[in-house]
Amino acid sequence: MIKLIYGPKGAGKTKQLIDAANANAESAKGLSVFITDTKRYMYDLKREVRFIDVKDWTVVGEDALCGFVKGIAACNSDHEFIYIDGIARITGKELKDLAGIFYMLEKISVDNGIVITITCSCTKEELPDFIAKYAK
């Protein structure tokens, strides 16, 4: 399952993502991973949530991020939650150009039973159709 947190820049999407990760850490039976491109929020997460700054791993672009998430899922079958903060920012693309990675993330999620939560900086009306289906 893919969950989406959206809203304009500065609306508190990252805070919502961190709160969700911390809340799920208390009851999760599996592992949780928080993926972003800054160390700014490292200490806001509970220690049970694995923090990954993609800049430490030279993850650049859509294919690299998709492969990175596949590697996380493949390395341990106990992953339950993956949080991706700012998918467009990490990939360096606009949301309208990310259909491929959303397709692959949905496949990873379904095949491995992982809940993937993603933040997107835009209003509900600006969400492309392939992303809007994940909006609450």
C-alpha atoms as a PDB file:
ATOM      1  CA  MET A   1       0.000   0.000   0.000  1.00  0.00           C
ATOM      2  CA  ILE A   2       1.184   3.478  -0.832  1.00  0.00           C
ATOM      3  CA  LYS A   3       0.108   6.410   1.314  1.00  0.00           C
ATOM      4  CA  LEU A   4       0.532   9.997   0.257  1.00  0.00           C
ATOM      5  CA  ILE A   5       1.045  13.145   2.309  1.00  0.00           C
ATOM      6  CA  TYR A   6       0.657  16.209   0.115  1.00  0.00           C
ATOM      7  CA  GLY A   7       0.355  19.946   0.482  1.00  0.00           C
ATOM      8  CA  PRO A   8       2.140  23.149  -0.453  1.00  0.00           C
ATOM      9  CA  LYS A   9       5.708  23.780   0.640  1.00  0.00           C
ATOM     10  CA  GLY A  10       5.861  24.641   4.330  1.00  0.00           C
ATOM     11  CA  ALA A  11       2.555  22.934   5.171  1.00  0.00           C
ATOM     12  CA  GLY A  12       4.130  20.478   7.626  1.00  0.00           C
ATOM     13  CA  LYS A  13       4.294  17.353   5.459  1.00  0.00           C
ATOM     14  CA  THR A  14       7.653  16.239   6.856  1.00  0.00           C
ATOM     15  CA  LYS A  15       6.393  16.694  10.409  1.00  0.00           C
ATOM     16  CA  GLN A  16       3.382  14.499   9.580  1.00  0.00           C
ATOM     17  CA  LEU A  17       5.709  11.889   8.073  1.00  0.00           C
ATOM     18  CA  ILE A  18       7.978  11.917  11.142  1.00  0.00           C
ATOM     19  CA  ASP A  19       4.962  11.661  13.457  1.00  0.00           C
ATOM     20  CA  ALA A  20       3.644   8.689  11.464  1.00  0.00           C
ATOM     21  CA  ALA A  21       7.043   6.968  11.550  1.00  0.00           C
ATOM     22  CA  ASN A  22       7.388   7.498  15.297  1.00  0.00           C
ATOM     23  CA  ALA A  23       3.825   6.332  16.003  1.00  0.00           C
ATOM     24  CA  ASN A  24       4.235   3.205  13.878  1.00  0.00           C
ATOM     25  CA  ALA A  25       7.598   2.432  15.502  1.00  0.00           C
ATOM     26  CA  GLU A  26       5.838   1.758  18.795  1.00  0.00           C
ATOM     27  CA  SER A  27       3.540  -0.924  17.379  1.00  0.00           C
ATOM     28  CA  ALA A  28       5.427  -2.171  14.311  1.00  0.00           C
ATOM     29  CA  LYS A  29       6.269  -5.844  14.144  1.00  0.00           C
ATOM     30  CA  GLY A  30       8.745  -5.201  11.338  1.00  0.00           C
ATOM     31  CA  LEU A  31      11.429  -2.688  10.429  1.00  0.00           C
ATOM     32  CA  SER A  32      10.853   0.956   9.499  1.00  0.00           C
ATOM     33  CA  VAL A  33      13.049   3.067   7.198  1.00  0.00           C
ATOM     34  CA  PHE A  34      12.928   6.853   6.725  1.00  0.00           C
ATOM     35  CA  ILE A  35      14.493   8.049   3.451  1.00  0.00           C
ATOM     36  CA  THR A  36      15.284  11.708   2.803  1.00  0.00           C
ATOM     37  CA  ASP A  37      18.000  13.915   1.332  1.00  0.00           C
ATOM     38  CA  THR A  38      18.988  15.863   4.450  1.00  0.00           C
ATOM     39  CA  LYS A  39      20.208  15.072   7.948  1.00  0.00           C
ATOM     40  CA  ARG A  40      17.983  17.806   9.368  1.00  0.00           C
ATOM     41  CA  TYR A  41      15.389  15.399  10.826  1.00  0.00           C
ATOM     42  CA  MET A  42      17.717  12.647  11.996  1.00  0.00           C
ATOM     43  CA  TYR A  43      17.199  13.314  15.695  1.00  0.00           C
ATOM     44  CA  ASP A  44      13.428  13.773  15.404  1.00  0.00           C
ATOM     45  CA  LEU A  45      12.929  10.073  14.722  1.00  0.00           C
ATOM     46  CA  LYS A  46      12.825   7.347  17.331  1.00  0.00           C
ATOM     47  CA  ARG A  47      15.846   5.086  17.273  1.00  0.00           C
ATOM     48  CA  GLU A  48      13.724   2.154  16.055  1.00  0.00           C
ATOM     49  CA  VAL A  49      13.309   3.951  12.715  1.00  0.00           C
ATOM     50  CA  ARG A  50      16.311   3.535  10.409  1.00  0.00           C
ATOM     51  CA  PHE A  51      17.258   6.977   9.069  1.00  0.00           C
ATOM     52  CA  ILE A  52      18.841   7.143   5.615  1.00  0.00           C
ATOM     53  CA  ASP A  53      20.121  10.277   3.911  1.00  0.00           C
ATOM     54  CA  VAL A  54      20.348   9.346   0.213  1.00  0.00           C
ATOM     55  CA  LYS A  55      23.201  11.809  -0.262  1.00  0.00           C
ATOM     56  CA  ASP A  56      25.377   9.476   1.826  1.00  0.00           C
ATOM     57  CA  TRP A  57      24.757   6.753  -0.779  1.00  0.00           C
ATOM     58  CA  THR A  58      24.963   8.934  -3.919  1.00  0.00           C
ATOM     59  CA  VAL A  59      21.364   8.197  -4.859  1.00  0.00           C
ATOM     60  CA  VAL A  60      20.617  10.548  -7.737  1.00  0.00           C
ATOM     61  CA  GLY A  61      17.581  10.288  -9.966  1.00  0.00           C
ATOM     62  CA  GLU A  62      14.467   8.187 -10.301  1.00  0.00           C
ATOM     63  CA  ASP A  63      16.170   4.918 -11.268  1.00  0.00           C
ATOM     64  CA  ALA A  64      18.676   5.181  -8.433  1.00  0.00           C
ATOM     65  CA  LEU A  65      15.969   5.834  -5.831  1.00  0.00           C
ATOM     66  CA  CYS A  66      13.853   2.965  -7.146  1.00  0.00           C
ATOM     67  CA  GLY A  67      16.843   0.617  -7.054  1.00  0.00           C
ATOM     68  CA  PHE A  68      17.716   1.832  -3.573  1.00  0.00           C
ATOM     69  CA  VAL A  69      14.212   1.059  -2.280  1.00  0.00           C
ATOM     70  CA  LYS A  70      14.321  -2.344  -3.998  1.00  0.00           C
ATOM     71  CA  GLY A  71      17.623  -3.027  -2.229  1.00  0.00           C
ATOM     72  CA  ILE A  72      16.110  -2.115   1.125  1.00  0.00           C
ATOM     73  CA  ALA A  73      13.189  -4.456   0.516  1.00  0.00           C
ATOM     74  CA  ALA A  74      15.491  -7.241  -0.689  1.00  0.00           C
ATOM     75  CA  CYS A  75      17.996  -7.029   2.149  1.00  0.00           C
ATOM     76  CA  ASN A  76      15.527  -8.037   4.831  1.00  0.00           C
ATOM     77  CA  SER A  77      12.041  -9.488   4.542  1.00  0.00           C
ATOM     78  CA  ASP A  78      11.061  -7.899   7.858  1.00  0.00           C
ATOM     79  CA  HIS A  79      10.486  -4.380   6.498  1.00  0.00           C
ATOM     80  CA  GLU A  80       7.014  -3.123   7.336  1.00  0.00           C
ATOM     81  CA  PHE A  81       7.222   0.636   6.663  1.00  0.00           C
ATOM     82  CA  ILE A  82       9.223   2.822   4.280  1.00  0.00           C
ATOM     83  CA  TYR A  83       8.871   6.604   4.440  1.00  0.00           C
ATOM     84  CA  ILE A  84      10.130   8.771   1.578  1.00  0.00           C
ATOM     85  CA  ASP A  85      10.326  12.500   2.264  1.00  0.00           C
ATOM     86  CA  GLY A  86      10.225  14.624  -0.905  1.00  0.00           C
ATOM     87  CA  ILE A  87      10.264  12.126  -3.754  1.00  0.00           C
ATOM     88  CA  ALA A  88      10.363  14.851  -6.436  1.00  0.00           C
ATOM     89  CA  ARG A  89      13.249  16.608  -4.689  1.00  0.00           C
ATOM     90  CA  ILE A  90      15.239  13.375  -4.316  1.00  0.00           C
ATOM     91  CA  THR A  91      14.693  12.301  -7.938  1.00  0.00           C
ATOM     92  CA  GLY A  92      15.232  15.790  -9.349  1.00  0.00           C
ATOM     93  CA  LYS A  93      12.046  15.494 -11.409  1.00  0.00           C
ATOM     94  CA  GLU A  94       8.595  17.004 -11.386  1.00  0.00           C
ATOM     95  CA  LEU A  95       5.743  14.905 -10.002  1.00  0.00           C
ATOM     96  CA  LYS A  96       4.122  14.617 -13.440  1.00  0.00           C
ATOM     97  CA  ASP A  97       7.241  12.772 -14.651  1.00  0.00           C
ATOM     98  CA  LEU A  98       7.315  10.142 -11.871  1.00  0.00           C
ATOM     99  CA  ALA A  99       4.751   7.599 -13.123  1.00  0.00           C
ATOM    100  CA  GLY A 100       7.436   4.926 -13.509  1.00  0.00           C
ATOM    101  CA  ILE A 101       8.715   5.092  -9.950  1.00  0.00           C
ATOM    102  CA  PHE A 102       5.199   5.162  -8.490  1.00  0.00           C
ATOM    103  CA  TYR A 103       4.388   2.036 -10.492  1.00  0.00           C
ATOM    104  CA  MET A 104       7.525   0.313  -9.180  1.00  0.00           C
ATOM    105  CA  LEU A 105       6.974   1.457  -5.581  1.00  0.00           C
ATOM    106  CA  GLU A 106       3.433   0.092  -5.697  1.00  0.00           C
ATOM    107  CA  LYS A 107       4.776  -3.224  -6.982  1.00  0.00           C
ATOM    108  CA  ILE A 108       7.425  -3.348  -4.230  1.00  0.00           C
ATOM    109  CA  SER A 109       4.764  -2.506  -1.663  1.00  0.00           C
ATOM    110  CA  VAL A 110       2.299  -5.169  -2.803  1.00  0.00           C
ATOM    111  CA  ASP A 111       4.875  -7.907  -3.416  1.00  0.00           C
ATOM    112  CA  ASN A 112       6.576  -7.425  -0.050  1.00  0.00           C
ATOM    113  CA  GLY A 113       3.746  -6.257   2.223  1.00  0.00           C
ATOM    114  CA  ILE A 114       5.456  -2.928   2.894  1.00  0.00           C
ATOM    115  CA  VAL A 115       3.522   0.281   3.547  1.00  0.00           C
ATOM    116  CA  ILE A 116       5.284   3.082   1.668  1.00  0.00           C
ATOM    117  CA  THR A 117       4.412   6.639   2.690  1.00  0.00           C
ATOM    118  CA  ILE A 118       5.552   9.477   0.418  1.00  0.00           C
ATOM    119  CA  THR A 119       5.448  13.268   0.694  1.00  0.00           C
ATOM    120  CA  CYS A 120       4.675  15.454  -2.321  1.00  0.00           C
ATOM    121  CA  SER A 121       4.772  19.256  -2.418  1.00  0.00           C
ATOM    122  CA  CYS A 122       1.605  20.235  -4.262  1.00  0.00           C
ATOM    123  CA  THR A 123      -2.094  20.749  -3.761  1.00  0.00           C
ATOM    124  CA  LYS A 124      -4.628  17.971  -4.317  1.00  0.00           C
ATOM    125  CA  GLU A 125      -5.701  19.577  -7.595  1.00  0.00           C
ATOM    126  CA  GLU A 126      -2.099  19.533  -8.878  1.00  0.00           C
ATOM    127  CA  LEU A 127      -1.585  15.804  -8.242  1.00  0.00           C
ATOM    128  CA  PRO A 128      -1.221  13.795 -11.450  1.00  0.00           C
ATOM    129  CA  ASP A 129      -3.881  11.058 -11.828  1.00  0.00           C
ATOM    130  CA  PHE A 130      -1.386   8.233 -11.226  1.00  0.00           C
ATOM    131  CA  ILE A 131      -0.548   9.803  -7.846  1.00  0.00           C
ATOM    132  CA  ALA A 132      -3.987  11.164  -6.890  1.00  0.00           C
ATOM    133  CA  LYS A 133      -5.324   7.634  -6.366  1.00  0.00           C
ATOM    134  CA  TYR A 134      -3.064   7.373  -3.274  1.00  0.00           C
ATOM    135  CA  ALA A 135      -4.320  10.651  -1.723  1.00  0.00           C
ATOM    136  CA  LYS A 136      -6.565  10.336   1.326  1.00  0.00           C
END
